[in-house]
């Protein structure tokens, strides 16, 4: 069997390749890129968090630290799933776009090196912290100040007029297609090869009424067409707790490789869905959402439909979360998601 290193080097013969077995090549690469001075030495490297898509390491020297990210033509966490390498260009372009607005400076890392030939971005290190996936634990929650920051950030992004620069941003169509498959198609296949009972006994049976519901699946497919379409707003594309960092109690937003010009409703729906999955009550969610500045063209039904789909795909799809929920609680979430998709106009959300 050809190992992934050989696959990468066959497709990108002139590129540096970094993994645990090739980190000894890192100092030479960093010196070549002007990131290491003659009196600067690497003390250690470490994983800064549990990412899914890319190879990411924090590099610690005798003077500072920074983050190096390299993408592959596959998903790092699931090497059998191909993924377009253009996502690195998308991430770089997203940061370049928002860098023109001082509002985003406290939230985002600066790019130190963008090296498309090696599919690498080197970022400043925002500092040691943790992502917000702790919110799925019963005893923990995101505090009100952080929630407000998250709403203000995404609201500001969605309300910028990018029309004069929209043509400069990559379509990100290949990654959208991959994401579309795992959000709108794969979870609803009866025989998709993923045994949900390996996640939680009884979950497979719980998923069958969803997978066999032709009417619901058509609604989901229609929402998927909207996701794939081009829209007026630059969206983050993966705005959930794994893309949020808390560093010294401050909120940072990272990993915008799923970004594209689409519909604001998708970002805000994904965020809201994860609030529900963290156990947050609708009354509090509605209170929090008041911090979001609604666009004139905001489609509430589209938002609620996307919210339902995000809940379903996280509960019965491949992209599982560390949800601290009983089977009955997941059944209740599924019922709520189905209600969102089937009857968005009658719901009290937002």
Protein backbone atom coordinates (compact mmCIF):
# COMPACT_ATOMS: atom_id res chain seq x y z
CA UNK A 1 0.00 0.00 0.00
CA UNK A 2 1.31 3.47 -0.89
CA UNK A 3 1.65 5.50 2.26
CA UNK A 4 0.27 9.02 2.37
CA UNK A 5 3.73 10.61 2.31
CA UNK A 6 4.37 9.03 -1.08
CA UNK A 7 0.94 10.07 -2.34
CA UNK A 8 1.64 13.67 -1.37
CA UNK A 9 5.09 13.70 -2.91
CA UNK A 10 3.85 12.10 -6.12
CA UNK A 11 1.29 14.89 -6.54
CA UNK A 12 3.54 17.71 -5.29
CA UNK A 13 7.08 16.53 -6.14
CA UNK A 14 8.74 19.86 -5.32
CA UNK A 15 6.91 20.48 -2.05
CA UNK A 16 8.22 20.04 1.48
CA UNK A 17 6.20 17.50 3.45
CA UNK A 18 5.85 17.65 7.22
CA UNK A 19 4.54 15.02 9.59
CA UNK A 20 5.88 13.45 12.77
CA UNK A 21 8.54 11.57 10.76
CA UNK A 22 9.70 14.59 8.77
CA UNK A 23 9.83 17.37 11.36
CA UNK A 24 13.64 17.28 11.21
CA UNK A 25 13.29 19.14 7.89
CA UNK A 26 11.38 21.98 9.55
CA UNK A 27 14.35 24.19 10.66
CA UNK A 28 15.80 24.28 7.16
CA UNK A 29 12.44 25.22 5.69
CA UNK A 30 11.86 28.00 8.23
CA UNK A 31 15.34 29.44 7.70
CA UNK A 32 14.78 29.43 3.94
CA UNK A 33 11.53 31.35 4.48
CA UNK A 34 13.24 33.89 6.73
CA UNK A 35 11.29 32.87 9.84
CA UNK A 36 14.26 31.64 11.90
CA UNK A 37 17.23 33.89 12.60
CA UNK A 38 20.75 32.59 13.01
CA UNK A 39 20.55 32.76 16.82
CA UNK A 40 17.09 31.22 17.00
CA UNK A 41 16.58 27.51 17.70
CA UNK A 42 13.51 25.32 17.79
CA UNK A 43 12.96 23.95 21.29
CA UNK A 44 9.88 21.85 20.54
CA UNK A 45 6.72 21.41 18.51
CA UNK A 46 3.23 20.49 19.69
CA UNK A 47 -0.31 20.12 18.46
CA UNK A 48 -2.18 23.33 19.31
CA UNK A 49 -5.55 21.58 19.23
CA UNK A 50 -7.62 18.80 17.72
CA UNK A 51 -8.08 19.91 14.13
CA UNK A 52 -9.71 17.79 11.43
CA UNK A 53 -8.61 19.06 8.04
CA UNK A 54 -4.88 19.84 8.14
CA UNK A 55 -1.50 19.10 9.67
CA UNK A 56 -1.00 21.83 12.29
CA UNK A 57 1.82 22.35 14.79
CA UNK A 58 2.90 25.05 17.21
CA UNK A 59 6.62 25.71 16.79
CA UNK A 60 8.35 26.91 19.96
CA UNK A 61 11.75 28.54 19.70
CA UNK A 62 14.07 30.14 22.24
CA UNK A 63 12.51 33.52 21.34
CA UNK A 64 8.84 32.99 20.44
CA UNK A 65 6.26 30.63 19.00
CA UNK A 66 4.18 30.47 15.84
CA UNK A 67 1.76 28.10 14.11
CA UNK A 68 2.50 26.19 10.92
CA UNK A 69 -0.37 24.67 8.94
CA UNK A 70 -0.01 22.45 5.90
CA UNK A 71 -2.93 21.06 3.94
CA UNK A 72 -2.96 17.72 2.12
CA UNK A 73 -5.09 16.39 -0.73
CA UNK A 74 -7.07 14.53 1.95
CA UNK A 75 -8.67 15.22 5.33
CA UNK A 76 -6.00 14.86 8.01
CA UNK A 77 -8.34 13.20 10.54
CA UNK A 78 -9.92 10.94 7.89
CA UNK A 79 -7.12 10.17 5.39
CA UNK A 80 -9.43 8.12 3.15
CA UNK A 81 -11.52 11.22 2.39
CA UNK A 82 -10.04 13.32 -0.45
CA UNK A 83 -10.08 17.09 0.04
CA UNK A 84 -9.11 19.88 -2.37
CA UNK A 85 -5.84 21.64 -1.55
CA UNK A 86 -7.32 24.94 -2.77
CA UNK A 87 -8.70 25.34 0.75
CA UNK A 88 -5.32 26.79 1.75
CA UNK A 89 -5.74 29.62 -0.76
CA UNK A 90 -9.26 30.22 0.58
CA UNK A 91 -8.02 30.52 4.15
CA UNK A 92 -5.24 32.91 3.17
CA UNK A 93 -7.62 35.02 1.11
CA UNK A 94 -10.16 35.20 3.95
CA UNK A 95 -7.56 36.58 6.35
CA UNK A 96 -6.33 39.00 3.69
CA UNK A 97 -9.87 40.27 3.14
CA UNK A 98 -10.66 40.91 6.79
CA UNK A 99 -7.20 42.36 7.52
CA UNK A 100 -8.36 45.60 5.91
CA UNK A 101 -10.90 46.10 8.72
CA UNK A 102 -9.39 46.96 12.15
CA UNK A 103 -12.46 45.40 13.82
CA UNK A 104 -11.10 41.91 13.15
CA UNK A 105 -7.58 42.50 14.50
CA UNK A 106 -8.29 41.24 18.05
CA UNK A 107 -9.97 38.10 16.69
CA UNK A 108 -7.64 36.78 14.04
CA UNK A 109 -4.00 35.71 13.66
CA UNK A 110 -1.70 37.52 11.27
CA UNK A 111 -0.18 35.56 8.40
CA UNK A 112 3.62 35.46 8.65
CA UNK A 113 4.19 33.36 5.52
CA UNK A 114 1.83 32.16 2.80
CA UNK A 115 3.57 29.50 0.74
CA UNK A 116 1.18 28.06 -1.87
CA UNK A 117 3.91 25.91 -3.49
CA UNK A 118 4.20 23.91 -0.27
CA UNK A 119 0.52 24.31 0.73
CA UNK A 120 1.65 26.03 3.94
CA UNK A 121 0.55 29.02 5.96
CA UNK A 122 2.55 30.18 8.98
CA UNK A 123 0.57 32.25 11.49
CA UNK A 124 1.44 34.27 14.51
CA UNK A 125 0.63 32.32 17.66
CA UNK A 126 -2.44 33.75 19.37
CA UNK A 127 -1.35 32.09 22.61
CA UNK A 128 -2.16 28.86 24.34
CA UNK A 129 -5.83 28.38 24.87
CA UNK A 130 -8.57 25.94 24.02
CA UNK A 131 -11.40 25.72 21.58
CA UNK A 132 -15.01 25.96 22.72
CA UNK A 133 -15.92 22.28 22.39
CA UNK A 134 -16.01 22.20 26.19
CA UNK A 135 -19.54 23.61 25.81
CA UNK A 136 -20.85 20.11 24.98
CA UNK A 137 -20.11 19.02 28.55
CA UNK A 138 -23.06 19.30 30.92
CA UNK A 139 -21.22 21.23 33.59
CA UNK A 140 -19.72 23.86 31.27
CA UNK A 141 -21.05 26.68 29.11
CA UNK A 142 -19.86 29.67 27.13
CA UNK A 143 -20.13 32.83 29.20
CA UNK A 144 -22.31 35.76 28.14
CA UNK A 145 -19.40 38.03 27.21
CA UNK A 146 -17.96 35.40 24.91
CA UNK A 147 -21.37 34.69 23.37
CA UNK A 148 -21.80 38.37 22.64
CA UNK A 149 -18.35 38.51 21.00
CA UNK A 150 -19.21 35.55 18.78
CA UNK A 151 -22.44 37.20 17.63
CA UNK A 152 -20.82 40.59 17.08
CA UNK A 153 -18.00 39.02 15.02
CA UNK A 154 -20.26 37.10 12.64
CA UNK A 155 -22.72 40.00 12.42
CA UNK A 156 -19.92 42.36 11.41
CA UNK A 157 -18.62 39.92 8.79
CA UNK A 158 -22.07 39.47 7.27
CA UNK A 159 -22.82 43.16 7.05
CA UNK A 160 -19.71 44.27 5.16
CA UNK A 161 -20.33 45.27 1.56
CA UNK A 162 -17.84 43.17 -0.40
CA UNK A 163 -19.43 43.54 -3.86
CA UNK A 164 -16.43 45.34 -5.37
CA UNK A 165 -14.08 42.55 -4.21
CA UNK A 166 -16.31 39.49 -4.46
CA UNK A 167 -14.73 38.48 -7.79
CA UNK A 168 -11.32 38.31 -6.06
CA UNK A 169 -12.39 35.54 -3.68
CA UNK A 170 -12.07 31.87 -4.72
CA UNK A 171 -15.37 30.06 -5.33
CA UNK A 172 -14.22 27.20 -3.06
CA UNK A 173 -16.59 25.01 -5.05
CA UNK A 174 -14.70 21.73 -4.60
CA UNK A 175 -14.64 22.00 -0.81
CA UNK A 176 -18.27 23.11 -0.84
CA UNK A 177 -19.10 19.94 -2.79
CA UNK A 178 -17.28 17.81 -0.21
CA UNK A 179 -19.00 19.59 2.67
CA UNK A 180 -22.35 19.35 0.87
CA UNK A 181 -21.99 15.58 0.67
CA UNK A 182 -21.39 15.26 4.41
CA UNK A 183 -24.10 17.74 5.43
CA UNK A 184 -26.95 17.16 2.99
CA UNK A 185 -26.46 13.68 1.46
CA UNK A 186 -24.35 11.13 3.36
CA UNK A 187 -26.15 11.16 6.76
CA UNK A 188 -29.47 10.29 5.10
CA UNK A 189 -28.36 7.26 3.12
CA UNK A 190 -29.83 4.10 4.65
CA UNK A 191 -26.71 2.07 3.89
CA UNK A 192 -23.89 4.59 4.15
CA UNK A 193 -21.45 2.20 5.84
CA UNK A 194 -21.28 4.12 9.11
CA UNK A 195 -22.47 2.11 12.12
CA UNK A 196 -24.00 4.69 14.45
CA UNK A 197 -24.23 2.08 17.20
CA UNK A 198 -20.44 2.32 17.43
CA UNK A 199 -21.02 5.91 18.58
CA UNK A 200 -23.88 5.10 20.93
CA UNK A 201 -25.94 1.89 21.11
CA UNK A 202 -29.42 2.48 19.72
CA UNK A 203 -28.43 5.48 17.57
CA UNK A 204 -28.59 3.46 14.34
CA UNK A 205 -32.23 2.54 14.91
CA UNK A 206 -32.96 6.13 15.93
CA UNK A 207 -31.66 7.34 12.57
CA UNK A 208 -33.76 5.03 10.38
CA UNK A 209 -37.00 7.08 10.35
CA UNK A 210 -34.94 10.05 9.14
CA UNK A 211 -33.17 8.04 6.45
CA UNK A 212 -36.48 6.60 5.24
CA UNK A 213 -38.38 9.91 5.20
CA UNK A 214 -38.54 10.81 1.51
CA UNK A 215 -40.36 14.11 2.09
CA UNK A 216 -37.79 15.28 4.68
CA UNK A 217 -34.86 14.27 2.49
CA UNK A 218 -36.25 16.30 -0.41
CA UNK A 219 -36.47 19.34 1.88
CA UNK A 220 -32.85 18.75 2.90
CA UNK A 221 -31.76 18.43 -0.75
CA UNK A 222 -33.42 21.76 -1.51
CA UNK A 223 -31.49 23.37 1.33
CA UNK A 224 -28.34 21.77 -0.08
CA UNK A 225 -28.91 23.48 -3.43
CA UNK A 226 -29.06 26.80 -1.62
CA UNK A 227 -25.80 25.99 0.17
CA UNK A 228 -24.05 25.25 -3.14
CA UNK A 229 -25.28 28.46 -4.75
CA UNK A 230 -23.28 31.66 -4.80
CA UNK A 231 -24.60 34.37 -2.50
CA UNK A 232 -24.00 38.00 -1.56
CA UNK A 233 -22.16 37.53 1.75
CA UNK A 234 -18.68 36.37 2.70
CA UNK A 235 -19.33 33.62 5.22
CA UNK A 236 -16.92 31.80 7.51
CA UNK A 237 -18.43 28.47 6.46
CA UNK A 238 -17.58 26.47 9.59
CA UNK A 239 -18.70 28.73 12.43
CA UNK A 240 -18.92 26.28 15.32
CA UNK A 241 -17.15 25.72 18.68
CA UNK A 242 -14.18 23.96 17.08
CA UNK A 243 -13.38 27.16 15.14
CA UNK A 244 -13.56 29.40 18.21
CA UNK A 245 -10.67 29.78 20.62
CA UNK A 246 -10.57 31.24 24.09
CA UNK A 247 -7.20 32.77 24.92
CA UNK A 248 -6.98 34.64 28.22
CA UNK A 249 -10.82 34.72 28.27
CA UNK A 250 -10.86 36.46 24.89
CA UNK A 251 -12.53 35.05 21.78
CA UNK A 252 -10.54 34.22 18.64
CA UNK A 253 -11.92 32.88 15.35
CA UNK A 254 -9.85 30.54 13.19
CA UNK A 255 -10.04 27.93 10.39
CA UNK A 256 -11.96 29.80 7.67
CA UNK A 257 -10.99 27.33 4.93
CA UNK A 258 -14.68 26.60 4.25
CA UNK A 259 -15.32 30.29 3.53
CA UNK A 260 -17.09 31.42 0.37
CA UNK A 261 -19.61 33.95 -0.85
CA UNK A 262 -22.92 32.44 0.17
CA UNK A 263 -25.79 33.14 2.51
CA UNK A 264 -25.45 34.61 5.99
CA UNK A 265 -28.20 32.28 7.17
CA UNK A 266 -25.83 29.31 6.97
CA UNK A 267 -23.22 30.70 9.41
CA UNK A 268 -25.75 31.85 11.96
CA UNK A 269 -27.67 28.56 11.66
CA UNK A 270 -24.58 26.44 12.27
CA UNK A 271 -23.73 28.49 15.35
CA UNK A 272 -27.30 28.26 16.66
CA UNK A 273 -27.47 24.50 16.06
CA UNK A 274 -24.42 23.99 18.24
CA UNK A 275 -25.99 26.06 20.99
CA UNK A 276 -28.90 23.61 20.97
CA UNK A 277 -26.54 20.62 20.97
CA UNK A 278 -24.69 22.08 23.95
CA UNK A 279 -27.95 21.99 25.91
CA UNK A 280 -28.82 25.67 25.69
CA UNK A 281 -32.54 26.46 25.97
CA UNK A 282 -34.43 28.22 23.19
CA UNK A 283 -35.28 31.18 25.42
CA UNK A 284 -31.58 31.90 26.03
CA UNK A 285 -30.69 31.32 22.38
CA UNK A 286 -33.30 33.85 21.30
CA UNK A 287 -31.91 36.30 23.84
CA UNK A 288 -28.37 35.79 22.53
CA UNK A 289 -29.38 36.19 18.90
CA UNK A 290 -30.50 39.75 19.61
CA UNK A 291 -26.82 40.70 19.31
CA UNK A 292 -26.89 39.68 15.64
CA UNK A 293 -27.52 42.55 13.22
CA UNK A 294 -30.03 41.11 10.75
CA UNK A 295 -29.51 41.96 7.09
CA UNK A 296 -32.45 43.29 5.07
CA UNK A 297 -32.34 40.20 2.87
CA UNK A 298 -32.13 37.72 5.78
CA UNK A 299 -34.38 34.69 5.18
CA UNK A 300 -35.60 33.38 8.53
CA UNK A 301 -37.01 30.13 7.09
CA UNK A 302 -33.70 29.38 5.37
CA UNK A 303 -31.85 30.02 8.65
CA UNK A 304 -34.12 27.66 10.60
CA UNK A 305 -33.90 24.97 7.92
CA UNK A 306 -30.10 25.11 7.89
CA UNK A 307 -30.16 24.92 11.70
CA UNK A 308 -32.18 21.70 11.57
CA UNK A 309 -29.85 20.14 9.01
CA UNK A 310 -26.75 20.96 11.07
CA UNK A 311 -28.28 19.26 14.12
CA UNK A 312 -29.19 16.15 12.14
CA UNK A 313 -25.84 15.77 10.40
CA UNK A 314 -23.96 16.08 13.69
CA UNK A 315 -26.17 13.55 15.47
CA UNK A 316 -26.45 10.91 12.72
CA UNK A 317 -23.62 11.82 10.33
CA UNK A 318 -19.91 11.10 10.19
CA UNK A 319 -18.77 14.40 11.77
CA UNK A 320 -19.58 13.40 15.33
CA UNK A 321 -19.15 15.68 18.33
CA UNK A 322 -18.31 14.86 21.97
CA UNK A 323 -21.97 15.31 22.92
CA UNK A 324 -22.72 14.47 26.54
CA UNK A 325 -26.29 13.35 25.75
CA UNK A 326 -28.43 10.31 26.41
CA UNK A 327 -30.11 8.50 23.54
CA UNK A 328 -33.43 10.03 24.56
CA UNK A 329 -31.92 13.52 24.51
CA UNK A 330 -30.58 12.89 21.02
CA UNK A 331 -34.05 11.70 19.98
CA UNK A 332 -35.46 15.01 21.22
CA UNK A 333 -32.82 16.91 19.24
CA UNK A 334 -33.72 14.94 16.12
CA UNK A 335 -37.41 15.76 16.61
CA UNK A 336 -36.55 19.45 17.00
CA UNK A 337 -34.39 19.38 13.86
CA UNK A 338 -37.16 17.72 11.82
CA UNK A 339 -39.60 20.38 13.04
CA UNK A 340 -37.17 23.11 11.98
CA UNK A 341 -36.83 21.65 8.48
CA UNK A 342 -40.49 20.77 7.90
CA UNK A 343 -42.19 23.74 9.56
CA UNK A 344 -39.78 26.69 9.85
CA UNK A 345 -42.52 29.35 9.64
CA UNK A 346 -44.36 28.03 12.71
CA UNK A 347 -41.28 27.89 14.93
CA UNK A 348 -40.55 30.40 17.69
CA UNK A 349 -36.79 30.56 17.05
CA UNK A 350 -35.38 34.02 16.26
